[in-house]
Amino acid sequence: MVKKSLLDVAFSSAKRKHTLLLLDDGPKSVESLMDSLETTRQALLPQMKILEESYLVSKDNGTYSLSTMGKMFVKRMKPLLETLETLDEDISYWGRHNIDFIPSHLLKRINELRSCKVITPPLSELYDINRDFFEQCNRSGSLTLMFTFLYPNFPEIYDEWISNNVYVKLIVSGELFERIKANYVDKFREYMKSGLFEIFVYDHPTNFVSFGHNDYCSFFRLLSRKGDYDNKQLMCCSSSAVQWNRELCEYYLERSTRITEL
């Protein structure tokens, strides 16, 4: 009989995969596993035997638990499964867009971008800020945004955030900063004088449209893999997604220059 690889043991059977994840929460009886997996003893026991023979699971007095090697294996298996779930949920979005701007340490943790949805705005709202994200920003204590463009109604947007005492950190591309200095310097001086608005310049090439986070969600507008603009947006609303985006913003803040006067 050909011995199965550990990858085959864990991933070629949904029962075995889910059993390992269940046992990661602690020892379980056969009856408990049967209830959780909604299966029969006859169907479960052969799978448990395979897990035992692969040294991932041990049995003691009718109770199954992860072996030391099993714990080590599942610890490394779970991030992979979470990454696959993140990518599978919106695989066409991730596959068609440029994600080279994401630093390697965060790309390895892309599984933390949970509860995501792809948004395709109607033509009439193509140049508007996403309404849900905007309202969340109004309820947030602070937000950080990385932009390569300005919304046509940006004064209305920023004025409302500041009036709601939202602390705004805005990172802009070098090209956008030149446009601000040429056309909107008085308005941005006003924002900076409020004490609730900081502006930073990222004077390096950018291969994205925008991203950022408030206290509730992360938001992305990415370029296609060919570098073309795409109106599809991605919003991820989970605490792990906000923390992930916060670290992404910090990465770009560290490589940007804070503007103290205009």
C-alpha atoms as a PDB file:
ATOM      1  CA  MET A   1       0.000   0.000   0.000  1.00  0.00           C
ATOM      2  CA  VAL A   2       1.398   3.417  -1.024  1.00  0.00           C
ATOM      3  CA  LYS A   3       1.748   5.753   1.936  1.00  0.00           C
ATOM      4  CA  LYS A   4      -0.169   9.023   1.578  1.00  0.00           C
ATOM      5  CA  SER A   5       1.689  12.313   1.885  1.00  0.00           C
ATOM      6  CA  LEU A   6       0.576  14.605   4.674  1.00  0.00           C
ATOM      7  CA  LEU A   7      -0.890  16.995   2.090  1.00  0.00           C
ATOM      8  CA  ASP A   8      -2.992  14.150   0.688  1.00  0.00           C
ATOM      9  CA  VAL A   9      -4.026  13.111   4.180  1.00  0.00           C
ATOM     10  CA  ALA A  10      -5.187  16.605   5.102  1.00  0.00           C
ATOM     11  CA  PHE A  11      -6.543  17.999   1.846  1.00  0.00           C
ATOM     12  CA  SER A  12      -7.827  15.109  -0.262  1.00  0.00           C
ATOM     13  CA  SER A  13     -10.641  14.434   2.220  1.00  0.00           C
ATOM     14  CA  ALA A  14     -12.966  17.143   3.539  1.00  0.00           C
ATOM     15  CA  LYS A  15     -13.736  14.949   6.569  1.00  0.00           C
ATOM     16  CA  ARG A  16     -10.079  14.622   7.511  1.00  0.00           C
ATOM     17  CA  LYS A  17      -9.424  18.326   6.972  1.00  0.00           C
ATOM     18  CA  HIS A  18     -12.394  19.392   9.107  1.00  0.00           C
ATOM     19  CA  THR A  19     -11.538  16.792  11.755  1.00  0.00           C
ATOM     20  CA  LEU A  20      -8.062  18.283  12.162  1.00  0.00           C
ATOM     21  CA  LEU A  21      -9.555  21.760  12.503  1.00  0.00           C
ATOM     22  CA  LEU A  22     -12.084  20.526  15.079  1.00  0.00           C
ATOM     23  CA  LEU A  23      -9.372  18.801  17.108  1.00  0.00           C
ATOM     24  CA  ASP A  24      -7.348  22.004  17.081  1.00  0.00           C
ATOM     25  CA  ASP A  25      -9.971  23.311  19.544  1.00  0.00           C
ATOM     26  CA  GLY A  26      -9.299  20.374  21.879  1.00  0.00           C
ATOM     27  CA  PRO A  27      -9.865  16.619  22.277  1.00  0.00           C
ATOM     28  CA  LYS A  28     -13.149  15.248  20.965  1.00  0.00           C
ATOM     29  CA  SER A  29     -15.069  12.015  21.358  1.00  0.00           C
ATOM     30  CA  VAL A  30     -16.228  10.061  18.320  1.00  0.00           C
ATOM     31  CA  GLU A  31     -19.801  11.141  19.048  1.00  0.00           C
ATOM     32  CA  SER A  32     -18.803  14.807  19.194  1.00  0.00           C
ATOM     33  CA  LEU A  33     -16.939  14.547  15.890  1.00  0.00           C
ATOM     34  CA  MET A  34     -19.879  12.727  14.302  1.00  0.00           C
ATOM     35  CA  ASP A  35     -22.257  15.506  15.385  1.00  0.00           C
ATOM     36  CA  SER A  36     -19.974  18.312  14.184  1.00  0.00           C
ATOM     37  CA  LEU A  37     -19.272  16.629  10.838  1.00  0.00           C
ATOM     38  CA  GLU A  38     -22.843  15.391  10.428  1.00  0.00           C
ATOM     39  CA  THR A  39     -21.606  11.934   9.535  1.00  0.00           C
ATOM     40  CA  THR A  40     -21.890   8.319  10.698  1.00  0.00           C
ATOM     41  CA  ARG A  41     -19.494   6.220  12.736  1.00  0.00           C
ATOM     42  CA  GLN A  42     -19.054   3.909   9.738  1.00  0.00           C
ATOM     43  CA  ALA A  43     -17.971   6.828   7.531  1.00  0.00           C
ATOM     44  CA  LEU A  44     -15.807   8.528  10.155  1.00  0.00           C
ATOM     45  CA  LEU A  45     -13.710   5.718  11.619  1.00  0.00           C
ATOM     46  CA  PRO A  46     -11.767   4.883   8.409  1.00  0.00           C
ATOM     47  CA  GLN A  47     -10.757   8.543   8.162  1.00  0.00           C
ATOM     48  CA  MET A  48      -9.659   8.581  11.797  1.00  0.00           C
ATOM     49  CA  LYS A  49      -7.539   5.497  11.151  1.00  0.00           C
ATOM     50  CA  ILE A  50      -5.743   7.303   8.303  1.00  0.00           C
ATOM     51  CA  LEU A  51      -5.083  10.300  10.568  1.00  0.00           C
ATOM     52  CA  GLU A  52      -3.747   7.999  13.293  1.00  0.00           C
ATOM     53  CA  GLU A  53      -1.521   6.082  10.870  1.00  0.00           C
ATOM     54  CA  SER A  54      -0.119   9.415   9.662  1.00  0.00           C
ATOM     55  CA  TYR A  55       0.732  10.347  13.285  1.00  0.00           C
ATOM     56  CA  LEU A  56      -1.455  13.474  13.189  1.00  0.00           C
ATOM     57  CA  VAL A  57      -4.025  12.186  15.651  1.00  0.00           C
ATOM     58  CA  SER A  58      -3.880   9.990  18.753  1.00  0.00           C
ATOM     59  CA  LYS A  59      -6.638   8.101  20.554  1.00  0.00           C
ATOM     60  CA  ASP A  60      -7.012   7.591  24.286  1.00  0.00           C
ATOM     61  CA  ASN A  61     -10.036   5.935  25.916  1.00  0.00           C
ATOM     62  CA  GLY A  62     -12.264   6.705  22.937  1.00  0.00           C
ATOM     63  CA  THR A  63     -11.192  10.361  22.739  1.00  0.00           C
ATOM     64  CA  TYR A  64      -9.218  11.754  19.826  1.00  0.00           C
ATOM     65  CA  SER A  65      -6.703  14.595  20.033  1.00  0.00           C
ATOM     66  CA  LEU A  66      -3.989  16.096  17.872  1.00  0.00           C
ATOM     67  CA  SER A  67      -0.545  14.605  18.339  1.00  0.00           C
ATOM     68  CA  THR A  68       2.434  16.902  18.796  1.00  0.00           C
ATOM     69  CA  MET A  69       3.140  16.621  15.070  1.00  0.00           C
ATOM     70  CA  GLY A  70      -0.560  17.152  14.367  1.00  0.00           C
ATOM     71  CA  LYS A  71      -0.571  20.400  16.337  1.00  0.00           C
ATOM     72  CA  MET A  72       2.476  21.598  14.436  1.00  0.00           C
ATOM     73  CA  PHE A  73       0.895  20.632  11.109  1.00  0.00           C
ATOM     74  CA  VAL A  74      -2.481  22.291  11.803  1.00  0.00           C
ATOM     75  CA  LYS A  75      -0.771  25.460  13.044  1.00  0.00           C
ATOM     76  CA  ARG A  76       0.743  25.815   9.566  1.00  0.00           C
ATOM     77  CA  MET A  77      -2.294  24.506   7.727  1.00  0.00           C
ATOM     78  CA  LYS A  78      -4.798  27.059   9.055  1.00  0.00           C
ATOM     79  CA  PRO A  79      -3.171  30.200   7.545  1.00  0.00           C
ATOM     80  CA  LEU A  80      -2.998  28.429   4.174  1.00  0.00           C
ATOM     81  CA  LEU A  81      -6.695  27.529   4.344  1.00  0.00           C
ATOM     82  CA  GLU A  82      -7.586  31.088   5.358  1.00  0.00           C
ATOM     83  CA  THR A  83      -5.529  32.465   2.451  1.00  0.00           C
ATOM     84  CA  LEU A  84      -7.272  30.121   0.032  1.00  0.00           C
ATOM     85  CA  GLU A  85     -10.656  31.176   1.424  1.00  0.00           C
ATOM     86  CA  THR A  86      -9.756  34.875   1.008  1.00  0.00           C
ATOM     87  CA  LEU A  87      -8.606  34.403  -2.577  1.00  0.00           C
ATOM     88  CA  ASP A  88     -11.385  31.970  -3.497  1.00  0.00           C
ATOM     89  CA  GLU A  89     -14.053  34.373  -2.310  1.00  0.00           C
ATOM     90  CA  ASP A  90     -13.022  36.986  -4.897  1.00  0.00           C
ATOM     91  CA  ILE A  91     -10.506  35.107  -7.029  1.00  0.00           C
ATOM     92  CA  SER A  92     -11.335  37.015 -10.224  1.00  0.00           C
ATOM     93  CA  TYR A  93     -10.709  40.341  -8.468  1.00  0.00           C
ATOM     94  CA  TRP A  94      -7.336  39.327  -7.040  1.00  0.00           C
ATOM     95  CA  GLY A  95      -6.322  37.562 -10.241  1.00  0.00           C
ATOM     96  CA  ARG A  96      -7.100  40.500 -12.537  1.00  0.00           C
ATOM     97  CA  HIS A  97      -5.570  43.275 -10.461  1.00  0.00           C
ATOM     98  CA  ASN A  98      -2.043  44.401  -9.682  1.00  0.00           C
ATOM     99  CA  ILE A  99      -1.127  43.610  -6.085  1.00  0.00           C
ATOM    100  CA  ASP A 100       2.609  44.249  -6.439  1.00  0.00           C
ATOM    101  CA  PHE A 101       2.298  47.326  -4.206  1.00  0.00           C
ATOM    102  CA  ILE A 102       1.636  45.105  -1.190  1.00  0.00           C
ATOM    103  CA  PRO A 103       4.867  44.490   0.775  1.00  0.00           C
ATOM    104  CA  SER A 104       5.873  40.843   1.123  1.00  0.00           C
ATOM    105  CA  HIS A 105       5.258  40.642   4.890  1.00  0.00           C
ATOM    106  CA  LEU A 106       1.616  41.661   4.369  1.00  0.00           C
ATOM    107  CA  LEU A 107       1.155  39.596   1.224  1.00  0.00           C
ATOM    108  CA  LYS A 108       1.958  36.552   3.350  1.00  0.00           C
ATOM    109  CA  ARG A 109      -0.900  37.574   5.650  1.00  0.00           C
ATOM    110  CA  ILE A 110      -3.475  38.362   2.979  1.00  0.00           C
ATOM    111  CA  ASN A 111      -5.697  35.776   4.664  1.00  0.00           C
ATOM    112  CA  GLU A 112      -6.459  38.494   7.240  1.00  0.00           C
ATOM    113  CA  LEU A 113      -8.539  40.376   4.665  1.00  0.00           C
ATOM    114  CA  ARG A 114     -11.798  38.753   5.695  1.00  0.00           C
ATOM    115  CA  SER A 115     -15.421  39.703   5.004  1.00  0.00           C
ATOM    116  CA  CYS A 116     -14.631  41.279   1.642  1.00  0.00           C
ATOM    117  CA  LYS A 117     -17.014  42.228  -1.121  1.00  0.00           C
ATOM    118  CA  VAL A 118     -16.396  43.515  -4.634  1.00  0.00           C
ATOM    119  CA  ILE A 119     -18.346  46.667  -5.451  1.00  0.00           C
ATOM    120  CA  THR A 120     -19.135  47.767  -9.000  1.00  0.00           C
ATOM    121  CA  PRO A 121     -20.561  51.296  -8.763  1.00  0.00           C
ATOM    122  CA  PRO A 122     -23.178  52.409 -11.295  1.00  0.00           C
ATOM    123  CA  LEU A 123     -22.018  54.766 -14.015  1.00  0.00           C
ATOM    124  CA  SER A 124     -23.639  57.724 -12.251  1.00  0.00           C
ATOM    125  CA  GLU A 125     -21.429  57.113  -9.169  1.00  0.00           C
ATOM    126  CA  LEU A 126     -18.212  56.265 -10.975  1.00  0.00           C
ATOM    127  CA  TYR A 127     -16.340  59.292  -9.587  1.00  0.00           C
ATOM    128  CA  ASP A 128     -17.981  59.341  -6.159  1.00  0.00           C
ATOM    129  CA  ILE A 129     -16.659  58.011  -2.884  1.00  0.00           C
ATOM    130  CA  ASN A 130     -18.377  54.817  -1.811  1.00  0.00           C
ATOM    131  CA  ARG A 131     -21.341  55.921   0.305  1.00  0.00           C
ATOM    132  CA  ASP A 132     -21.020  53.160   2.924  1.00  0.00           C
ATOM    133  CA  PHE A 133     -17.308  53.840   3.410  1.00  0.00           C
ATOM    134  CA  PHE A 134     -17.963  57.581   3.618  1.00  0.00           C
ATOM    135  CA  GLU A 135     -20.597  57.164   6.333  1.00  0.00           C
ATOM    136  CA  GLN A 136     -18.312  54.823   8.291  1.00  0.00           C
ATOM    137  CA  CYS A 137     -15.599  57.467   8.119  1.00  0.00           C
ATOM    138  CA  ASN A 138     -18.015  59.974   9.654  1.00  0.00           C
ATOM    139  CA  ARG A 139     -18.450  57.650  12.642  1.00  0.00           C
ATOM    140  CA  SER A 140     -14.743  56.863  13.003  1.00  0.00           C
ATOM    141  CA  GLY A 141     -12.264  58.475  15.333  1.00  0.00           C
ATOM    142  CA  SER A 142      -9.562  58.489  12.664  1.00  0.00           C
ATOM    143  CA  LEU A 143      -8.797  57.266   9.188  1.00  0.00           C
ATOM    144  CA  THR A 144      -5.813  56.938   6.900  1.00  0.00           C
ATOM    145  CA  LEU A 145      -6.078  57.160   3.119  1.00  0.00           C
ATOM    146  CA  MET A 146      -3.573  56.728   0.294  1.00  0.00           C
ATOM    147  CA  PHE A 147      -4.714  58.523  -2.866  1.00  0.00           C
ATOM    148  CA  THR A 148      -3.439  59.189  -6.375  1.00  0.00           C
ATOM    149  CA  PHE A 149      -6.466  61.356  -7.258  1.00  0.00           C
ATOM    150  CA  LEU A 150      -9.030  63.725  -5.735  1.00  0.00           C
ATOM    151  CA  TYR A 151     -12.752  63.163  -5.781  1.00  0.00           C
ATOM    152  CA  PRO A 152     -14.480  66.005  -7.694  1.00  0.00           C
ATOM    153  CA  ASN A 153     -16.383  66.898  -4.502  1.00  0.00           C
ATOM    154  CA  PHE A 154     -13.416  66.430  -2.147  1.00  0.00           C
ATOM    155  CA  PRO A 155     -14.050  69.733  -0.263  1.00  0.00           C
ATOM    156  CA  GLU A 156     -17.508  68.504   0.730  1.00  0.00           C
ATOM    157  CA  ILE A 157     -16.063  65.148   1.852  1.00  0.00           C
ATOM    158  CA  TYR A 158     -13.136  66.496   3.892  1.00  0.00           C
ATOM    159  CA  ASP A 159     -15.193  69.357   5.376  1.00  0.00           C
ATOM    160  CA  GLU A 160     -17.744  66.888   6.721  1.00  0.00           C
ATOM    161  CA  TRP A 161     -15.100  64.611   8.232  1.00  0.00           C
ATOM    162  CA  ILE A 162     -13.400  67.513   9.966  1.00  0.00           C
ATOM    163  CA  SER A 163     -16.719  68.886  11.214  1.00  0.00           C
ATOM    164  CA  ASN A 164     -17.311  65.456  12.783  1.00  0.00           C
ATOM    165  CA  ASN A 165     -13.885  65.603  14.511  1.00  0.00           C
ATOM    166  CA  VAL A 166     -12.476  62.742  12.463  1.00  0.00           C
ATOM    167  CA  TYR A 167      -8.668  62.759  12.418  1.00  0.00           C
ATOM    168  CA  VAL A 168      -7.490  62.344   8.817  1.00  0.00           C
ATOM    169  CA  LYS A 169      -4.091  61.217   7.594  1.00  0.00           C
ATOM    170  CA  LEU A 170      -3.903  61.654   3.835  1.00  0.00           C
ATOM    171  CA  ILE A 171      -1.014  60.179   1.844  1.00  0.00           C
ATOM    172  CA  VAL A 172      -0.856  61.462  -1.724  1.00  0.00           C
ATOM    173  CA  SER A 173       1.302  60.645  -4.709  1.00  0.00           C
ATOM    174  CA  GLY A 174       3.929  63.164  -5.796  1.00  0.00           C
ATOM    175  CA  GLU A 175       1.933  63.975  -8.922  1.00  0.00           C
ATOM    176  CA  LEU A 176      -1.236  64.635  -6.929  1.00  0.00           C
ATOM    177  CA  PHE A 177       0.646  66.836  -4.466  1.00  0.00           C
ATOM    178  CA  GLU A 178       1.817  69.057  -7.342  1.00  0.00           C
ATOM    179  CA  ARG A 179      -1.802  69.380  -8.445  1.00  0.00           C
ATOM    180  CA  ILE A 180      -2.852  70.317  -4.903  1.00  0.00           C
ATOM    181  CA  LYS A 181      -0.158  73.010  -4.703  1.00  0.00           C
ATOM    182  CA  ALA A 182      -1.167  74.403  -8.088  1.00  0.00           C
ATOM    183  CA  ASN A 183      -4.937  74.448  -7.594  1.00  0.00           C
ATOM    184  CA  TYR A 184      -6.086  73.814  -4.023  1.00  0.00           C
ATOM    185  CA  VAL A 185      -3.425  75.172  -1.701  1.00  0.00           C
ATOM    186  CA  ASP A 186      -5.769  77.448   0.275  1.00  0.00           C
ATOM    187  CA  LYS A 187      -8.242  74.662   0.932  1.00  0.00           C
ATOM    188  CA  PHE A 188      -5.580  72.268   2.163  1.00  0.00           C
ATOM    189  CA  ARG A 189      -4.023  74.968   4.354  1.00  0.00           C
ATOM    190  CA  GLU A 190      -7.433  75.315   5.954  1.00  0.00           C
ATOM    191  CA  TYR A 191      -7.593  71.562   6.583  1.00  0.00           C
ATOM    192  CA  MET A 192      -4.133  71.493   8.132  1.00  0.00           C
ATOM    193  CA  LYS A 193      -4.950  74.431  10.423  1.00  0.00           C
ATOM    194  CA  SER A 194      -7.903  72.479  11.822  1.00  0.00           C
ATOM    195  CA  GLY A 195      -5.511  70.262  13.776  1.00  0.00           C
ATOM    196  CA  LEU A 196      -7.379  67.221  12.447  1.00  0.00           C
ATOM    197  CA  PHE A 197      -5.671  66.820   9.106  1.00  0.00           C
ATOM    198  CA  GLU A 198      -2.177  65.665   8.155  1.00  0.00           C
ATOM    199  CA  ILE A 199      -0.868  65.299   4.641  1.00  0.00           C
ATOM    200  CA  PHE A 200       2.060  63.129   3.538  1.00  0.00           C
ATOM    201  CA  VAL A 201       3.674  62.812   0.124  1.00  0.00           C
ATOM    202  CA  TYR A 202       4.740  59.454  -1.262  1.00  0.00           C
ATOM    203  CA  ASP A 203       7.165  60.573  -3.950  1.00  0.00           C
ATOM    204  CA  HIS A 204       7.720  57.188  -5.569  1.00  0.00           C
ATOM    205  CA  PRO A 205       6.046  55.290  -8.420  1.00  0.00           C
ATOM    206  CA  THR A 206       2.535  54.054  -7.620  1.00  0.00           C
ATOM    207  CA  ASN A 207       0.797  51.080  -9.217  1.00  0.00           C
ATOM    208  CA  PHE A 208      -2.594  51.401  -7.543  1.00  0.00           C
ATOM    209  CA  VAL A 209      -5.444  53.919  -7.453  1.00  0.00           C
ATOM    210  CA  SER A 210      -6.175  54.214  -3.735  1.00  0.00           C
ATOM    211  CA  PHE A 211      -6.572  52.342  -0.483  1.00  0.00           C
ATOM    212  CA  GLY A 212      -7.232  53.149   3.132  1.00  0.00           C
ATOM    213  CA  HIS A 213      -9.173  52.341   6.254  1.00  0.00           C
ATOM    214  CA  ASN A 214     -11.488  53.794   8.850  1.00  0.00           C
ATOM    215  CA  ASP A 215     -12.359  52.196  12.190  1.00  0.00           C
ATOM    216  CA  TYR A 216     -14.656  49.646  10.559  1.00  0.00           C
ATOM    217  CA  CYS A 217     -13.496  48.708   7.061  1.00  0.00           C
ATOM    218  CA  SER A 218     -10.628  48.594   4.604  1.00  0.00           C
ATOM    219  CA  PHE A 219     -11.095  49.935   1.101  1.00  0.00           C
ATOM    220  CA  PHE A 220      -9.168  49.346  -2.136  1.00  0.00           C
ATOM    221  CA  ARG A 221      -9.273  50.654  -5.708  1.00  0.00           C
ATOM    222  CA  LEU A 222      -6.640  48.811  -7.707  1.00  0.00           C
ATOM    223  CA  LEU A 223      -5.248  48.929 -11.217  1.00  0.00           C
ATOM    224  CA  SER A 224      -5.584  45.972 -13.540  1.00  0.00           C
ATOM    225  CA  ARG A 225      -2.566  43.757 -14.088  1.00  0.00           C
ATOM    226  CA  LYS A 226      -1.977  45.680 -17.343  1.00  0.00           C
ATOM    227  CA  GLY A 227      -1.981  48.978 -15.455  1.00  0.00           C
ATOM    228  CA  ASP A 228      -5.436  50.074 -16.639  1.00  0.00           C
ATOM    229  CA  TYR A 229      -7.990  51.815 -14.454  1.00  0.00           C
ATOM    230  CA  ASP A 230     -10.813  49.580 -13.244  1.00  0.00           C
ATOM    231  CA  ASN A 231     -13.950  50.898 -11.562  1.00  0.00           C
ATOM    232  CA  LYS A 232     -14.366  47.830  -9.341  1.00  0.00           C
ATOM    233  CA  GLN A 233     -13.703  48.430  -5.655  1.00  0.00           C
ATOM    234  CA  LEU A 234     -13.022  46.075  -2.763  1.00  0.00           C
ATOM    235  CA  MET A 235     -14.269  46.663   0.773  1.00  0.00           C
ATOM    236  CA  CYS A 236     -13.294  44.353   3.648  1.00  0.00           C
ATOM    237  CA  CYS A 237     -15.116  44.842   6.939  1.00  0.00           C
ATOM    238  CA  SER A 238     -13.502  42.861   9.744  1.00  0.00           C
ATOM    239  CA  SER A 239     -11.175  43.813  12.579  1.00  0.00           C
ATOM    240  CA  SER A 240      -8.344  41.779  11.031  1.00  0.00           C
ATOM    241  CA  ALA A 241      -8.824  43.529   7.667  1.00  0.00           C
ATOM    242  CA  VAL A 242      -8.678  46.957   9.314  1.00  0.00           C
ATOM    243  CA  GLN A 243      -5.486  46.034  11.187  1.00  0.00           C
ATOM    244  CA  TRP A 244      -3.946  44.646   7.982  1.00  0.00           C
ATOM    245  CA  ASN A 245      -4.743  47.861   6.105  1.00  0.00           C
ATOM    246  CA  ARG A 246      -3.493  49.946   9.017  1.00  0.00           C
ATOM    247  CA  GLU A 247      -0.114  48.227   8.706  1.00  0.00           C
ATOM    248  CA  LEU A 248      -0.166  48.775   4.931  1.00  0.00           C
ATOM    249  CA  CYS A 249      -0.760  52.485   5.483  1.00  0.00           C
ATOM    250  CA  GLU A 250       2.010  52.610   8.083  1.00  0.00           C
ATOM    251  CA  TYR A 251       4.374  51.017   5.557  1.00  0.00           C
ATOM    252  CA  TYR A 252       3.665  53.850   3.101  1.00  0.00           C
ATOM    253  CA  LEU A 253       3.690  56.528   5.810  1.00  0.00           C
ATOM    254  CA  GLU A 254       7.209  55.501   6.792  1.00  0.00           C
ATOM    255  CA  ARG A 255       8.291  56.056   3.183  1.00  0.00           C
ATOM    256  CA  SER A 256       6.501  59.381   2.807  1.00  0.00           C
ATOM    257  CA  THR A 257       7.314  62.960   3.746  1.00  0.00           C
ATOM    258  CA  ARG A 258       5.044  64.799   6.179  1.00  0.00           C
ATOM    259  CA  ILE A 259       4.064  68.251   4.931  1.00  0.00           C
ATOM    260  CA  THR A 260       4.189  70.858   7.696  1.00  0.00           C
ATOM    261  CA  GLU A 261       3.229  73.906   5.638  1.00  0.00           C
ATOM    262  CA  LEU A 262       1.908  74.821   2.207  1.00  0.00           C
END
